[in-house]
């Protein structure tokens, strides 16, 4: 059995840079990123 991985929180600037490259939308909350189901960017 393996140990759980430690979560390294994103800074707001890191998240914005990372999110601008992604097709799927996500939510940033207190340094954590959560996928938004059923959401997509409109062209």
Protein backbone atom coordinates (compact mmCIF):
# COMPACT_ATOMS: atom_id res chain seq x y z
CA UNK A 1 0.00 0.00 0.00
CA UNK A 2 1.30 3.45 -0.82
CA UNK A 3 1.00 6.64 1.15
CA UNK A 4 -1.19 9.49 -0.11
CA UNK A 5 0.55 12.20 -2.09
CA UNK A 6 0.94 15.57 -0.40
CA UNK A 7 -1.03 18.34 -2.13
CA UNK A 8 1.00 21.35 -3.14
CA UNK A 9 -1.33 24.35 -3.32
CA UNK A 10 -1.35 26.57 -6.40
CA UNK A 11 -0.79 30.29 -6.06
CA UNK A 12 -3.41 32.42 -7.79
CA UNK A 13 -0.87 33.45 -10.47
CA UNK A 14 0.16 29.82 -11.09
CA UNK A 15 -3.48 28.78 -11.41
CA UNK A 16 -4.32 31.55 -13.90
CA UNK A 17 -1.33 30.65 -16.08
CA UNK A 18 -2.19 26.95 -15.96
CA UNK A 19 -5.93 27.48 -16.53
CA UNK A 20 -5.43 29.69 -19.59
CA UNK A 21 -3.90 26.67 -21.40
CA UNK A 22 -6.73 24.26 -20.60
CA UNK A 23 -9.91 23.49 -22.52
CA UNK A 24 -11.85 22.20 -19.51
CA UNK A 25 -12.94 24.69 -16.87
CA UNK A 26 -11.94 24.37 -13.26
CA UNK A 27 -12.47 26.21 -10.01
CA UNK A 28 -9.72 27.58 -7.75
CA UNK A 29 -10.48 27.60 -4.02
CA UNK A 30 -7.93 28.16 -1.24
CA UNK A 31 -5.00 26.90 -3.32
CA UNK A 32 -6.80 23.80 -4.60
CA UNK A 33 -8.15 23.16 -8.09
CA UNK A 34 -11.46 21.38 -8.68
CA UNK A 35 -12.84 20.22 -12.04
CA UNK A 36 -16.21 21.70 -12.95
CA UNK A 37 -18.35 18.92 -14.37
CA UNK A 38 -20.45 19.72 -17.40
CA UNK A 39 -18.70 23.03 -17.99
CA UNK A 40 -16.76 24.02 -21.06
CA UNK A 41 -15.49 27.22 -22.60
CA UNK A 42 -17.58 28.61 -25.43
CA UNK A 43 -15.64 29.37 -28.60
